[in-house]
Structure formats: structure tokens, C-alpha cells
N, C-alpha and C. Protein backbone atom coordinates (compact mmCIF):
# COMPACT_ATOMS: atom_id res chain seq x y z
N MET A 1 4.42 -28.14 15.93
CA MET A 1 4.60 -26.89 16.57
C MET A 1 5.13 -26.05 15.92
N ALA A 2 6.18 -26.13 15.38
CA ALA A 2 7.61 -25.26 14.28
C ALA A 2 6.53 -25.35 12.63
N VAL A 3 6.27 -26.28 12.39
CA VAL A 3 5.19 -26.33 11.32
C VAL A 3 4.23 -25.06 11.38
N ARG A 4 3.51 -25.53 11.97
CA ARG A 4 2.11 -24.42 12.24
C ARG A 4 2.72 -23.18 12.60
N CYS A 5 3.85 -23.30 13.23
CA CYS A 5 4.40 -21.26 13.15
C CYS A 5 4.81 -20.96 11.56
N LEU A 6 5.67 -21.85 11.45
CA LEU A 6 5.94 -21.43 9.79
C LEU A 6 4.91 -21.09 8.84
N ALA A 7 3.85 -22.10 8.80
CA ALA A 7 2.80 -21.53 7.92
C ALA A 7 2.11 -20.16 8.32
N ARG A 8 2.19 -20.10 9.87
CA ARG A 8 1.00 -18.71 10.00
C ARG A 8 2.24 -17.49 9.83
N CYS A 9 3.55 -17.56 9.71
CA CYS A 9 4.50 -16.94 9.51
C CYS A 9 4.86 -16.38 7.86
N ALA A 10 4.47 -17.36 7.11
CA ALA A 10 4.22 -17.55 5.65
C ALA A 10 2.40 -16.65 5.21
N GLU A 11 1.84 -16.87 6.37
CA GLU A 11 0.82 -16.06 5.99
C GLU A 11 0.68 -14.51 6.55
N LEU A 12 1.32 -14.52 6.97
CA LEU A 12 1.40 -12.99 7.75
C LEU A 12 2.15 -12.29 7.04
N SER A 13 2.99 -12.66 6.08
CA SER A 13 4.12 -11.91 5.16
C SER A 13 3.55 -12.17 3.70
N PHE A 14 2.68 -11.90 3.35
CA PHE A 14 2.14 -12.31 1.84
C PHE A 14 2.25 -10.88 1.37
N SER A 15 2.42 -11.05 0.03
CA SER A 15 2.26 -9.62 -0.78
C SER A 15 1.42 -10.22 -2.16
N PHE A 16 1.59 -9.14 -3.05
CA PHE A 16 0.65 -9.16 -4.26
C PHE A 16 1.71 -9.38 -5.02
N VAL A 17 2.18 -10.35 -5.74
CA VAL A 17 3.08 -10.57 -6.69
C VAL A 17 3.07 -10.17 -8.01
N ARG A 18 1.67 -9.96 -8.02
CA ARG A 18 0.93 -9.24 -9.67
C ARG A 18 0.04 -8.28 -9.58
N GLU A 19 0.17 -7.18 -9.37
CA GLU A 19 -1.04 -6.08 -9.11
C GLU A 19 -1.97 -5.68 -10.14
N LEU A 20 -3.43 -4.65 -9.92
CA LEU A 20 -3.96 -4.89 -11.00
C LEU A 20 -3.65 -3.75 -11.97
N GLU A 21 -4.07 -4.00 -13.00
CA GLU A 21 -3.43 -3.04 -14.41
C GLU A 21 -4.96 -2.25 -14.59
N ASP A 22 -4.70 -1.01 -15.03
CA ASP A 22 -5.59 -0.31 -15.75
C ASP A 22 -6.17 -1.11 -16.78
N LYS A 23 -7.25 -0.72 -17.21
CA LYS A 23 -8.23 -1.11 -18.44
C LYS A 23 -8.85 0.18 -19.00
N LYS A 24 -9.07 -0.26 -20.10
CA LYS A 24 -9.67 0.91 -21.02
C LYS A 24 -10.40 -0.14 -21.47
N THR A 25 -11.78 0.70 -22.09
CA THR A 25 -12.24 -0.03 -23.14
C THR A 25 -13.30 1.16 -24.06
N ASN A 26 -13.53 0.80 -25.29
CA ASN A 26 -14.24 2.31 -25.89
C ASN A 26 -15.39 1.18 -26.70
N LYS A 27 -15.93 -0.01 -26.29
CA LYS A 27 -16.90 -0.87 -26.96
C LYS A 27 -17.78 -0.66 -26.16
N VAL A 28 -19.17 -0.82 -26.37
CA VAL A 28 -20.34 -0.90 -25.12
C VAL A 28 -21.48 -1.60 -25.67
N PRO A 29 -21.72 -2.93 -24.89
CA PRO A 29 -21.55 -3.07 -24.07
C PRO A 29 -19.91 -4.05 -24.68
N ASP A 30 -19.31 -4.02 -23.37
CA ASP A 30 -18.19 -5.13 -23.35
C ASP A 30 -17.72 -5.91 -22.09
N THR A 31 -16.63 -6.73 -22.04
CA THR A 31 -16.48 -7.80 -20.94
C THR A 31 -14.87 -7.32 -20.74
N VAL A 32 -14.42 -6.89 -19.17
CA VAL A 32 -13.43 -6.49 -18.89
C VAL A 32 -13.13 -7.38 -17.68
N THR A 33 -12.06 -7.57 -17.39
CA THR A 33 -11.35 -8.81 -16.36
C THR A 33 -9.96 -8.02 -15.79
N PHE A 34 -10.10 -7.64 -14.63
CA PHE A 34 -8.97 -7.64 -13.92
C PHE A 34 -8.46 -8.81 -13.01
N GLU A 35 -7.29 -8.74 -13.33
CA GLU A 35 -6.63 -9.94 -12.47
C GLU A 35 -5.51 -9.71 -11.32
N CYS A 36 -5.10 -10.25 -10.34
CA CYS A 36 -4.07 -9.84 -9.59
C CYS A 36 -3.79 -11.37 -9.14
N GLU A 37 -2.59 -11.28 -8.39
CA GLU A 37 -1.78 -12.48 -7.77
C GLU A 37 -1.12 -12.30 -6.65
N LEU A 38 -1.54 -13.38 -5.37
CA LEU A 38 -1.13 -13.02 -4.08
C LEU A 38 0.08 -14.48 -4.00
N SER A 39 1.07 -14.12 -3.35
CA SER A 39 2.19 -14.91 -2.87
C SER A 39 1.43 -15.92 -1.98
N LEU A 40 0.26 -15.64 -1.45
CA LEU A 40 -0.48 -16.66 -0.60
C LEU A 40 -1.20 -17.62 -1.44
N ASP A 41 -1.48 -18.85 -1.01
CA ASP A 41 -2.34 -19.99 -2.12
C ASP A 41 -3.55 -19.71 -1.37
N ASP A 42 -4.68 -19.74 -1.99
CA ASP A 42 -6.19 -19.73 -1.57
C ASP A 42 -6.67 -18.76 -0.28
N ALA A 43 -6.30 -17.45 -0.83
CA ALA A 43 -6.74 -16.18 0.32
C ALA A 43 -8.03 -15.95 -0.14
N ALA A 44 -8.62 -15.13 0.75
CA ALA A 44 -9.80 -14.93 0.19
C ALA A 44 -9.97 -13.39 0.23
N VAL A 45 -9.63 -13.03 -1.16
CA VAL A 45 -9.55 -11.65 -1.32
C VAL A 45 -11.25 -11.01 -1.63
N GLU A 46 -10.84 -9.68 -1.34
CA GLU A 46 -12.68 -9.15 -2.01
C GLU A 46 -12.41 -7.84 -2.37
N TRP A 47 -13.32 -7.68 -3.11
CA TRP A 47 -13.13 -7.07 -4.29
C TRP A 47 -14.09 -5.78 -4.10
N TYR A 48 -13.40 -4.56 -4.70
CA TYR A 48 -14.36 -3.31 -4.46
C TYR A 48 -14.32 -2.33 -5.57
N LYS A 49 -15.60 -1.63 -5.80
CA LYS A 49 -15.38 -0.39 -7.04
C LYS A 49 -15.79 1.06 -6.07
N GLY A 50 -14.46 1.75 -5.82
CA GLY A 50 -14.82 2.54 -5.08
C GLY A 50 -14.58 1.91 -3.60
N ASP A 51 -15.52 2.36 -2.67
CA ASP A 51 -15.77 1.76 -1.54
C ASP A 51 -17.16 0.78 -1.41
N ARG A 52 -17.59 0.48 -2.54
CA ARG A 52 -18.89 -0.53 -2.66
C ARG A 52 -18.44 -1.91 -2.70
N ALA A 53 -18.51 -2.96 -1.81
CA ALA A 53 -18.08 -4.14 -2.05
C ALA A 53 -18.42 -4.67 -3.21
N ILE A 54 -18.30 -5.71 -4.12
CA ILE A 54 -18.42 -6.03 -5.02
C ILE A 54 -18.85 -7.75 -4.95
N LYS A 55 -19.79 -8.47 -5.11
CA LYS A 55 -20.23 -9.92 -4.90
C LYS A 55 -20.55 -10.66 -6.30
N THR A 56 -20.61 -11.63 -6.49
CA THR A 56 -20.89 -12.42 -7.64
C THR A 56 -22.15 -12.01 -7.78
N SER A 57 -22.30 -12.05 -9.12
CA SER A 57 -23.84 -11.61 -9.80
C SER A 57 -23.84 -12.05 -11.00
N ASP A 58 -25.25 -11.40 -11.31
CA ASP A 58 -25.24 -10.97 -13.21
C ASP A 58 -23.84 -10.60 -13.58
N LYS A 59 -24.15 -9.46 -12.95
CA LYS A 59 -22.81 -8.48 -13.45
C LYS A 59 -21.39 -9.15 -13.40
N TYR A 60 -21.13 -9.22 -12.21
CA TYR A 60 -19.77 -9.85 -11.43
C TYR A 60 -19.61 -11.08 -11.74
N ASP A 61 -18.19 -11.13 -12.08
CA ASP A 61 -17.95 -12.75 -12.08
C ASP A 61 -16.46 -12.58 -11.14
N LEU A 62 -16.67 -13.06 -9.72
CA LEU A 62 -15.22 -13.73 -9.09
C LEU A 62 -14.87 -14.62 -9.14
N VAL A 63 -13.27 -14.67 -9.27
CA VAL A 63 -13.00 -16.61 -9.61
C VAL A 63 -11.67 -16.09 -8.57
N ALA A 64 -10.96 -17.29 -8.15
CA ALA A 64 -9.99 -17.41 -7.39
C ALA A 64 -9.41 -18.91 -7.33
N ARG A 65 -8.48 -19.19 -8.13
CA ARG A 65 -7.85 -20.28 -8.47
C ARG A 65 -6.14 -20.09 -8.02
N GLY A 66 -5.73 -20.72 -6.50
CA GLY A 66 -5.11 -20.87 -6.09
C GLY A 66 -4.55 -19.38 -5.68
N THR A 67 -3.42 -18.78 -6.50
CA THR A 67 -2.80 -17.52 -6.16
C THR A 67 -3.37 -16.66 -6.99
N VAL A 68 -4.07 -16.81 -7.97
CA VAL A 68 -4.86 -15.72 -8.81
C VAL A 68 -6.33 -15.49 -8.90
N HIS A 69 -6.40 -14.43 -8.67
CA HIS A 69 -7.52 -13.88 -8.26
C HIS A 69 -8.12 -12.59 -9.42
N ARG A 70 -9.40 -13.21 -10.14
CA ARG A 70 -9.91 -12.58 -11.22
C ARG A 70 -11.41 -11.90 -10.91
N LEU A 71 -11.64 -10.80 -11.55
CA LEU A 71 -13.15 -9.68 -11.27
C LEU A 71 -13.26 -9.62 -12.81
N THR A 72 -14.38 -10.33 -13.19
CA THR A 72 -15.00 -10.11 -14.28
C THR A 72 -16.04 -9.14 -14.68
N ILE A 73 -16.31 -7.98 -15.12
CA ILE A 73 -17.06 -7.30 -15.26
C ILE A 73 -18.05 -7.46 -16.72
N LYS A 74 -19.32 -7.80 -16.43
CA LYS A 74 -20.18 -8.04 -17.59
C LYS A 74 -20.75 -7.20 -18.28
N ASP A 75 -21.11 -6.80 -19.51
CA ASP A 75 -22.11 -5.51 -20.04
C ASP A 75 -21.39 -4.37 -19.58
N VAL A 76 -20.32 -4.21 -19.89
CA VAL A 76 -19.75 -2.80 -19.07
C VAL A 76 -20.01 -1.56 -20.23
N ASP A 77 -20.40 -0.80 -19.27
CA ASP A 77 -20.61 0.49 -19.68
C ASP A 77 -20.32 1.96 -19.00
N SER A 78 -20.70 2.60 -19.21
CA SER A 78 -20.24 4.38 -18.59
C SER A 78 -20.47 4.02 -17.45
N LYS A 79 -21.17 3.39 -16.68
CA LYS A 79 -21.06 3.52 -15.08
C LYS A 79 -20.59 2.77 -14.49
N ASP A 80 -19.83 2.11 -15.25
CA ASP A 80 -18.50 0.92 -14.86
C ASP A 80 -17.20 1.40 -14.41
N ALA A 81 -17.05 3.00 -15.38
CA ALA A 81 -15.39 3.45 -14.88
C ALA A 81 -15.57 3.66 -13.46
N GLY A 82 -14.01 3.49 -13.41
CA GLY A 82 -13.72 4.19 -11.85
C GLY A 82 -12.55 3.56 -11.25
N GLU A 83 -12.60 3.26 -10.02
CA GLU A 83 -11.23 2.31 -9.55
C GLU A 83 -12.29 1.09 -8.88
N TYR A 84 -11.10 0.13 -9.56
CA TYR A 84 -11.34 -0.92 -8.58
C TYR A 84 -10.55 -1.55 -7.77
N LYS A 85 -10.71 -2.51 -6.50
CA LYS A 85 -9.59 -2.76 -5.53
C LYS A 85 -9.82 -4.28 -5.40
N ALA A 86 -8.91 -4.99 -4.98
CA ALA A 86 -8.73 -6.06 -4.47
C ALA A 86 -8.07 -5.90 -3.05
N VAL A 87 -8.42 -6.52 -2.31
CA VAL A 87 -8.14 -6.32 -0.45
C VAL A 87 -8.05 -7.73 0.07
N PHE A 88 -6.69 -7.72 0.68
CA PHE A 88 -6.45 -9.28 1.68
C PHE A 88 -5.75 -8.65 2.91
N ARG A 89 -6.19 -8.64 3.73
CA ARG A 89 -6.16 -8.17 4.93
C ARG A 89 -5.80 -6.75 5.43
N ASN A 90 -4.00 -6.59 5.26
CA ASN A 90 -4.28 -5.33 5.01
C ASN A 90 -3.44 -4.50 4.00
N LYS A 91 -3.63 -5.31 2.77
CA LYS A 91 -2.94 -4.98 2.16
C LYS A 91 -4.02 -4.83 0.85
N SER A 92 -3.50 -4.04 -0.47
CA SER A 92 -4.73 -4.14 -1.40
C SER A 92 -3.68 -4.05 -2.85
N THR A 93 -4.61 -3.90 -3.79
CA THR A 93 -3.96 -3.09 -5.22
C THR A 93 -5.02 -2.92 -6.01
N LYS A 94 -5.19 -1.53 -6.77
CA LYS A 94 -6.10 -0.78 -7.36
C LYS A 94 -5.75 -0.57 -8.98
N ALA A 95 -6.82 -0.37 -9.55
CA ALA A 95 -6.68 0.04 -10.86
C ALA A 95 -7.85 0.95 -11.43
N ASN A 96 -8.14 1.22 -12.72
CA ASN A 96 -8.86 2.09 -13.39
C ASN A 96 -9.58 1.47 -14.63
N LEU A 97 -10.67 1.42 -14.50
CA LEU A 97 -11.28 1.33 -15.48
C LEU A 97 -11.92 2.47 -16.04
N SER A 98 -11.51 3.08 -17.32
CA SER A 98 -11.80 3.95 -18.25
C SER A 98 -12.82 3.27 -19.32
N VAL A 99 -14.12 3.96 -19.52
CA VAL A 99 -14.85 3.78 -20.44
C VAL A 99 -15.13 5.03 -21.49
N GLU A 100 -14.51 4.81 -22.55
CA GLU A 100 -14.74 5.70 -23.86
C GLU A 100 -15.66 5.80 -25.07
N GLY A 101 -15.97 6.68 -25.47
CA GLY A 101 -16.46 6.88 -26.90
C GLY A 101 -17.97 6.21 -26.44
N CYS A 102 -18.95 6.33 -25.56
CA CYS A 102 -20.36 5.82 -25.42
C CYS A 102 -21.13 7.03 -25.11
């Protein structure tokens, strides 16, 4: 019983140990990857562009390996500029993508 409590307490006290960082590209098309890391292993992070949820598709590749979470945006153009956010439970990290010179 104590082990289950410890696991649950660890799950409740997670944090982003590495936050998303702003990205900039001046090459179109390009491929851009956002990456963050949680203190919790195998968490189900949700990704957003603005308020719109992102799912794996031809445009977006979402990868989670252990504590590291990556969002890769393929064929980046000016429409992809904006704020991207990784969310798990009540915490989030966000960064901006700037697309210049197109």
C-alpha cells in the first residue's frame, strides 16, 4: 500500500524539467522540432497550436520516449508560425515558432 501511495504522490508532484524553447526558421519549407522533458516517465502529453489540439498526421509527428516529448512540424511555412504548447494535467510549457523571409 505504501508503494502505491509513493507512486501516486510522485505522479502528483511532477514538473517540466526542460521547457519548450522558441524556434525560428527563414527556410521554407523546413522541418522544426520542439522538445520538452517531464520529471514523470511515460506521461501522456497533449500538444496544441494556439488553442487547437495537434494529433499525429502527415504534417505533425508526436514522439514520447520516457520523459522526453517531441513535436516535429514538417513542411513548415508561414501558416505554422505561432504559439505551441505541451500540456500534462494542470501544467504546461509553451514556445513560439517564427517563420521569416517567406
